[in-house]
Amino acid sequence: MELKEETENDYYKNARKYWSNISPTVDGMLGGFASVSFIDLRGSEQFMRHLYRLKPAPGRQRALDCGAGIGRITRGLLVSFFEQVDLVEQDEHFCQTARTSLEDCGPKIGTVYNEGLQNFVPKARYYDVIWVQWVLGHLTDEDLVQFFSRCANGLARGGMLVIKENFTSNDEVIADETDSSVTRPLAAMKALLKRGNLRVVKEQRQTSFPKELYPVYMMALKPLIKS
């Protein structure tokens, strides 16, 4: 998905406008599918536990929740695994909701960054796990490659980037003009990951979702070893 600069700015502007009109609730974050939240979080928890059986496993000190919304994944998953979780979210209303609703997590919540992923730069060699879910369709191909590269640089020793996304069941990229996003084929995403200096170490499909939803896959990634 290649966009000229002017079109690209409109692409991100349209997405911001769409999300600015969405209710800061779990149902809003999941496009009216709040009922899948429990199944989603349990599938993610199972996947995370598998990652900690790998050797070497990631540390448990710091995680980053990308495209965090109101902090659904931070609360339902990440605070159980890590000493501290930072969040990054482009919508200021969602950020404020996250800060307020996660207050009871105390020092487990670090910084809530109000910034789009196309611009966000994680601290270098800092995070044990960077978790990115249901947001990558909002980035253009080139911005996605650059984001992956920055995430690779943001991982601590032994750290992993985890992505959890919808994928098309064929080779087609499907655009959604409503929220200014695309759904990519799995093979296209893997090609972008490689360009972003990342390799897949574990891959698993989310089960028990409604049949009308796109296939959802989780992938754990580590930086490519440079020769």
Protein backbone atom coordinates (compact mmCIF):
# COMPACT_ATOMS: atom_id res chain seq x y z
CA MET A 1 0.00 0.00 0.00
CA GLU A 2 1.95 2.99 -1.30
CA LEU A 3 0.50 6.46 -0.79
CA LYS A 4 1.74 9.87 -1.90
CA GLU A 5 2.57 12.24 0.97
CA GLU A 6 -0.60 14.35 0.66
CA THR A 7 -2.80 11.24 0.42
CA GLU A 8 -0.87 9.66 3.29
CA ASN A 9 -1.57 12.65 5.54
CA ASP A 10 -5.26 12.37 4.69
CA TYR A 11 -5.11 8.63 5.42
CA TYR A 12 -3.94 9.23 8.99
CA LYS A 13 -6.17 12.28 9.43
CA ASN A 14 -9.24 10.26 8.43
CA ALA A 15 -8.34 7.51 10.90
CA ARG A 16 -7.94 10.05 13.71
CA LYS A 17 -11.32 11.54 12.84
CA TYR A 18 -12.97 8.10 12.87
CA TRP A 19 -11.56 7.14 16.28
CA SER A 20 -12.33 10.55 17.78
CA ASN A 21 -16.02 9.68 17.36
CA ILE A 22 -15.74 6.23 18.98
CA SER A 23 -16.89 5.67 22.55
CA PRO A 24 -14.00 5.00 24.99
CA THR A 25 -15.41 1.61 26.00
CA VAL A 26 -14.45 -2.00 25.35
CA ASP A 27 -17.30 -2.22 22.83
CA GLY A 28 -15.97 0.87 21.09
CA MET A 29 -12.43 -0.51 20.98
CA LEU A 30 -13.65 -3.78 19.47
CA GLY A 31 -16.04 -2.35 16.89
CA GLY A 32 -19.16 -3.65 18.60
CA PHE A 33 -17.65 -7.06 19.39
CA ALA A 34 -17.08 -6.61 23.14
CA SER A 35 -18.25 -10.21 23.55
CA VAL A 36 -14.93 -11.49 22.11
CA SER A 37 -12.78 -9.62 24.66
CA PHE A 38 -12.61 -12.46 27.19
CA ILE A 39 -11.78 -15.09 24.53
CA ASP A 40 -9.23 -12.74 23.00
CA LEU A 41 -7.44 -12.08 26.29
CA ARG A 42 -7.38 -15.76 27.24
CA GLY A 43 -5.92 -16.66 23.85
CA SER A 44 -3.27 -13.97 24.30
CA GLU A 45 -2.48 -15.18 27.82
CA GLN A 46 -2.01 -18.74 26.56
CA PHE A 47 0.29 -17.48 23.79
CA MET A 48 2.31 -15.42 26.26
CA ARG A 49 2.76 -18.42 28.56
CA HIS A 50 4.14 -20.38 25.59
CA LEU A 51 6.67 -17.62 25.00
CA TYR A 52 7.96 -17.98 28.56
CA ARG A 53 8.65 -21.65 27.92
CA LEU A 54 11.06 -20.73 25.13
CA LYS A 55 14.76 -20.45 25.82
CA PRO A 56 15.83 -17.74 26.08
CA ALA A 57 12.53 -16.31 27.28
CA PRO A 58 11.84 -12.57 27.48
CA GLY A 59 12.30 -10.74 30.76
CA ARG A 60 9.35 -9.62 32.87
CA GLN A 61 10.33 -6.07 33.71
CA ARG A 62 8.84 -3.79 31.05
CA ALA A 63 6.18 -4.07 28.34
CA LEU A 64 4.79 -1.60 25.81
CA ASP A 65 1.13 -1.71 24.69
CA CYS A 66 0.91 -0.19 21.18
CA GLY A 67 -2.38 1.17 19.89
CA ALA A 68 -3.49 0.73 23.48
CA GLY A 69 -6.88 2.43 23.27
CA ILE A 70 -8.32 2.60 26.77
CA GLY A 71 -5.90 0.01 28.15
CA ARG A 72 -8.00 -3.15 27.67
CA ILE A 73 -4.95 -5.33 26.93
CA THR A 74 -2.78 -3.65 29.56
CA ARG A 75 -5.33 -4.44 32.26
CA GLY A 76 -6.47 -7.83 31.00
CA LEU A 77 -3.06 -9.25 30.10
CA LEU A 78 0.13 -7.24 30.45
CA VAL A 79 0.00 -6.12 34.10
CA SER A 80 -0.14 -9.81 35.10
CA PHE A 81 3.19 -10.51 33.39
CA PHE A 82 5.28 -7.36 33.82
CA GLU A 83 6.49 -5.05 36.57
CA GLN A 84 5.57 -2.01 34.51
CA VAL A 85 3.63 -1.31 31.31
CA ASP A 86 3.85 1.78 29.11
CA LEU A 87 1.04 2.57 26.65
CA VAL A 88 1.06 4.43 23.34
CA GLU A 89 -2.20 5.64 21.77
CA GLN A 90 -2.91 8.36 19.19
CA ASP A 91 -6.33 9.44 20.54
CA GLU A 92 -6.04 11.81 23.51
CA HIS A 93 -9.54 10.94 24.82
CA PHE A 94 -8.58 7.25 24.96
CA CYS A 95 -5.31 8.15 26.71
CA GLN A 96 -7.16 10.08 29.39
CA THR A 97 -9.62 7.22 29.87
CA ALA A 98 -6.71 4.77 30.18
CA ARG A 99 -4.90 6.94 32.74
CA THR A 100 -8.05 7.19 34.86
CA SER A 101 -9.28 3.62 34.56
CA LEU A 102 -5.84 2.10 35.25
CA GLU A 103 -5.15 4.15 38.37
CA ASP A 104 -5.90 1.14 40.56
CA CYS A 105 -2.94 -0.68 38.95
CA GLY A 106 -0.64 1.78 40.72
CA PRO A 107 3.06 1.75 39.79
CA LYS A 108 2.46 -1.06 37.30
CA ILE A 109 1.41 1.66 34.86
CA GLY A 110 4.29 3.72 33.50
CA THR A 111 3.96 6.38 30.81
CA VAL A 112 0.92 6.80 28.56
CA TYR A 113 2.24 8.28 25.30
CA ASN A 114 -0.24 10.21 23.14
CA GLU A 115 1.26 9.61 19.70
CA GLY A 116 0.58 7.72 16.47
CA LEU A 117 2.65 4.62 15.79
CA GLN A 118 3.83 6.08 12.47
CA ASN A 119 5.83 8.60 14.56
CA PHE A 120 6.45 6.82 17.86
CA VAL A 121 10.03 5.85 18.75
CA PRO A 122 10.41 3.35 21.64
CA LYS A 123 13.35 3.76 23.98
CA ALA A 124 16.33 1.78 22.70
CA ARG A 125 16.91 -1.72 24.15
CA TYR A 126 14.24 -1.08 26.79
CA TYR A 127 11.21 -3.36 26.51
CA ASP A 128 11.00 -7.09 27.20
CA VAL A 129 7.78 -7.38 25.18
CA ILE A 130 6.19 -4.90 22.81
CA TRP A 131 2.57 -5.92 22.22
CA VAL A 132 0.79 -4.59 19.13
CA GLN A 133 -2.82 -5.59 18.45
CA TRP A 134 -5.50 -4.60 15.93
CA VAL A 135 -3.76 -1.39 14.89
CA LEU A 136 -1.20 -2.21 12.17
CA GLY A 137 -3.82 -1.91 9.43
CA HIS A 138 -3.78 1.82 10.07
CA LEU A 139 -0.14 2.15 8.94
CA THR A 140 1.03 2.36 5.35
CA ASP A 141 3.50 -0.31 4.22
CA GLU A 142 6.52 1.97 4.45
CA ASP A 143 5.54 3.37 7.85
CA LEU A 144 4.94 -0.19 9.04
CA VAL A 145 8.44 -1.30 8.00
CA GLN A 146 9.95 1.68 9.80
CA PHE A 147 7.81 0.99 12.88
CA PHE A 148 8.97 -2.63 12.96
CA SER A 149 12.58 -1.50 12.69
CA ARG A 150 12.14 0.92 15.60
CA CYS A 151 10.48 -1.83 17.67
CA ALA A 152 13.42 -4.16 16.95
CA ASN A 153 15.72 -1.45 18.31
CA GLY A 154 13.45 -0.97 21.33
CA LEU A 155 13.70 -4.57 22.54
CA ALA A 156 15.82 -5.46 25.55
CA ARG A 157 18.12 -8.48 25.39
CA GLY A 158 15.93 -11.54 24.74
CA GLY A 159 12.91 -9.29 24.11
CA MET A 160 10.11 -9.98 21.64
CA LEU A 161 7.63 -8.02 19.58
CA VAL A 162 4.19 -9.66 19.54
CA ILE A 163 1.63 -8.73 16.92
CA LYS A 164 -1.99 -9.87 16.90
CA GLU A 165 -3.94 -8.88 13.83
CA ASN A 166 -6.72 -9.70 11.40
CA PHE A 167 -5.57 -11.26 8.14
CA THR A 168 -7.35 -11.94 4.88
CA SER A 169 -7.87 -15.58 3.97
CA ASN A 170 -6.50 -15.03 0.45
CA ASP A 171 -3.78 -12.93 -1.22
CA GLU A 172 -5.92 -9.81 -1.32
CA VAL A 173 -5.38 -6.58 0.61
CA ILE A 174 -8.81 -5.32 1.68
CA ALA A 175 -9.25 -1.60 2.32
CA ASP A 176 -11.83 -0.19 4.75
CA GLU A 177 -12.49 3.47 4.00
CA THR A 178 -14.72 3.79 7.07
CA ASP A 179 -11.83 3.79 9.54
CA SER A 180 -8.99 4.31 7.02
CA SER A 181 -7.34 0.90 7.41
CA VAL A 182 -6.39 -2.19 5.45
CA THR A 183 -6.41 -5.91 6.21
CA ARG A 184 -3.39 -7.68 4.75
CA PRO A 185 -2.69 -11.29 3.82
CA LEU A 186 -0.39 -13.18 6.21
CA ALA A 187 2.31 -13.53 3.55
CA ALA A 188 2.34 -9.77 2.91
CA MET A 189 2.75 -9.06 6.62
CA LYS A 190 5.63 -11.52 6.90
CA ALA A 191 7.39 -9.82 4.00
CA LEU A 192 7.04 -6.45 5.76
CA LEU A 193 8.31 -7.94 9.02
CA LYS A 194 11.43 -9.21 7.28
CA ARG A 195 12.03 -5.78 5.76
CA GLY A 196 11.69 -4.40 9.30
CA ASN A 197 14.50 -6.68 10.53
CA LEU A 198 12.26 -9.18 12.34
CA ARG A 199 11.83 -12.95 12.20
CA VAL A 200 8.95 -15.11 13.42
CA VAL A 201 9.76 -17.35 16.40
CA LYS A 202 6.20 -18.48 17.17
CA GLU A 203 2.89 -18.22 15.33
CA GLN A 204 -0.59 -19.24 16.42
CA ARG A 205 -4.13 -18.65 15.22
CA GLN A 206 -6.68 -17.35 17.71
CA THR A 207 -9.48 -19.87 18.15
CA SER A 208 -13.16 -19.62 19.11
CA PHE A 209 -13.88 -16.29 17.44
CA PRO A 210 -17.18 -15.75 15.57
CA LYS A 211 -17.01 -17.10 12.02
CA GLU A 212 -17.91 -13.73 10.49
CA LEU A 213 -14.65 -12.21 11.73
CA TYR A 214 -11.36 -12.26 9.83
CA PRO A 215 -8.82 -14.95 10.79
CA VAL A 216 -6.68 -13.60 13.66
CA TYR A 217 -3.07 -14.66 14.14
CA MET A 218 -0.53 -13.98 16.89
CA MET A 219 3.15 -13.83 15.98
CA ALA A 220 6.12 -13.48 18.31
CA LEU A 221 9.11 -11.87 16.65
CA LYS A 222 12.77 -11.27 17.35
CA PRO A 223 15.29 -9.11 15.50
CA LEU A 224 17.08 -10.79 12.63
CA ILE A 225 20.65 -11.74 13.48
CA LYS A 226 22.84 -9.49 11.37
CA SER A 227 25.72 -11.24 9.64
